[in-house]
Amino acid sequence: MAVGNPFDFLKSFGNIQERMGEIQNRLEGITVVGSAGGDMVQIEMNGHMQVVGVRISQEAVDPKDIQMLQDLLQAAFSDALYKIKEKIREEVSSLTGGLNLPPGMLGL
C-alpha cells in the first residue's frame, strides 16, 4: 500500500484554510426551505443553519390537534436541516476540488 507524501497533505490543508473565508461568505447566500404536510408547514434556513422564516397554513392549525402541528414543525425543520447540510457539502466540495473532509468537520 502506497503512502502519500505528508507535505502534499499539508499543502492541501493549507489551501482549505485559505478557502474557509470564501466558504463562510458563500454560506451567507445559501437558503433552503424544508416542508412537511404537503407544504402546510415550511421552514426557511440559511447557510449558518439559522431559521429565518416559518410559514404555517391555516389548515395545519387545529386547536384540538396541537400534536399534529408539532409533528409537522419537527418534520419541516428536519427537512430544512438535511437540505442545508447537503447544500453546504456541495459548496465545500466545489471549493476544495472534491477533497472529502473528515466527517463532522464544519458540523456536517
Protein backbone atom coordinates (compact mmCIF):
# COMPACT_ATOMS: atom_id res chain seq x y z
CA MET A 1 0.00 0.00 0.00
CA ALA A 2 1.49 3.33 -1.06
CA VAL A 3 1.77 6.10 1.47
CA GLY A 4 1.32 9.64 0.18
CA ASN A 5 3.71 12.47 0.81
CA PRO A 6 2.73 14.15 4.10
CA PHE A 7 3.76 17.51 2.68
CA ASP A 8 1.16 17.12 -0.07
CA PHE A 9 -1.47 16.67 2.63
CA LEU A 10 -0.25 19.77 4.47
CA LYS A 11 -0.31 21.75 1.24
CA SER A 12 -3.90 20.64 0.62
CA PHE A 13 -4.84 21.53 4.19
CA GLY A 14 -3.31 25.00 3.75
CA ASN A 15 -5.41 25.52 0.63
CA ILE A 16 -8.52 24.52 2.54
CA GLN A 17 -7.74 27.05 5.26
CA GLU A 18 -7.37 29.77 2.64
CA ARG A 19 -10.76 28.87 1.22
CA MET A 20 -12.58 28.84 4.57
CA GLY A 21 -13.19 32.60 4.32
CA GLU A 22 -14.74 32.09 0.90
CA ILE A 23 -16.87 29.25 2.24
CA GLN A 24 -18.14 31.47 5.07
CA ASN A 25 -19.09 34.16 2.53
CA ARG A 26 -20.96 31.64 0.39
CA LEU A 27 -22.86 30.33 3.39
CA GLU A 28 -24.45 33.74 3.83
CA GLY A 29 -26.10 33.44 0.42
CA ILE A 30 -27.47 29.92 0.81
CA THR A 31 -31.08 29.36 1.84
CA VAL A 32 -33.34 26.33 1.71
CA VAL A 33 -36.96 25.65 2.56
CA GLY A 34 -37.90 22.49 4.41
CA SER A 35 -41.51 21.47 4.33
CA ALA A 36 -43.98 18.97 5.72
CA GLY A 37 -47.61 18.06 5.28
CA GLY A 38 -47.73 18.95 1.59
CA ASP A 39 -46.19 22.37 2.30
CA MET A 40 -48.63 23.13 5.12
CA VAL A 41 -45.57 23.93 7.24
CA GLN A 42 -42.42 25.46 5.76
CA ILE A 43 -39.19 26.41 7.49
CA GLU A 44 -36.60 28.57 5.75
CA MET A 45 -32.99 28.11 6.90
CA ASN A 46 -29.81 29.94 5.93
CA GLY A 47 -26.31 28.58 5.40
CA HIS A 48 -25.44 29.22 9.03
CA MET A 49 -28.21 26.76 9.98
CA GLN A 50 -30.37 29.52 11.42
CA VAL A 51 -34.14 29.51 10.94
CA VAL A 52 -35.00 32.72 9.13
CA GLY A 53 -38.65 32.06 8.34
CA VAL A 54 -41.60 29.90 9.32
CA ARG A 55 -44.84 29.64 7.36
CA ILE A 56 -47.83 27.71 8.66
CA SER A 57 -51.01 27.33 6.63
CA GLN A 58 -54.37 27.66 8.33
CA GLU A 59 -55.15 24.01 7.60
CA ALA A 60 -52.25 22.98 9.87
CA VAL A 61 -53.66 24.86 12.85
CA ASP A 62 -56.23 22.82 14.72
CA PRO A 63 -56.52 23.76 18.42
CA LYS A 64 -57.81 20.25 19.07
CA ASP A 65 -54.73 18.63 17.49
CA ILE A 66 -51.64 20.54 18.63
CA GLN A 67 -49.60 17.32 18.35
CA MET A 68 -50.06 17.30 14.57
CA LEU A 69 -48.73 20.84 14.26
CA GLN A 70 -45.77 19.97 16.48
CA ASP A 71 -45.03 16.92 14.32
CA LEU A 72 -45.26 18.99 11.14
CA LEU A 73 -42.90 21.62 12.56
CA GLN A 74 -40.41 18.98 13.59
CA ALA A 75 -40.56 17.30 10.18
CA ALA A 76 -40.18 20.60 8.31
CA PHE A 77 -37.20 21.56 10.48
CA SER A 78 -35.56 18.18 9.89
CA ASP A 79 -36.15 18.54 6.14
CA ALA A 80 -34.61 22.03 6.11
CA LEU A 81 -31.61 20.86 8.14
CA TYR A 82 -30.99 17.95 5.77
CA LYS A 83 -31.25 20.23 2.73
CA ILE A 84 -28.91 22.89 4.13
CA LYS A 85 -26.28 20.30 5.06
CA GLU A 86 -26.40 18.93 1.52
CA LYS A 87 -26.03 22.45 0.05
CA ILE A 88 -23.09 23.18 2.35
CA ARG A 89 -21.43 19.88 1.37
CA GLU A 90 -21.83 20.82 -2.30
CA GLU A 91 -20.33 24.27 -1.74
CA VAL A 92 -17.42 22.95 0.31
CA SER A 93 -16.75 20.21 -2.22
CA SER A 94 -16.66 22.70 -5.09
CA LEU A 95 -14.23 24.93 -3.19
CA THR A 96 -11.96 22.10 -2.09
CA GLY A 97 -11.79 20.49 -5.51
CA GLY A 98 -13.78 17.47 -4.39
CA LEU A 99 -11.50 16.81 -1.40
CA ASN A 100 -13.55 14.86 1.11
CA LEU A 101 -13.41 16.48 4.53
CA PRO A 102 -13.48 14.30 7.63
CA PRO A 103 -16.98 13.52 8.95
CA GLY A 104 -18.10 16.12 11.47
CA MET A 105 -15.94 18.89 10.03
CA LEU A 106 -17.99 22.07 9.63
CA GLY A 107 -20.74 20.40 11.63
CA LEU A 108 -21.73 18.14 8.74
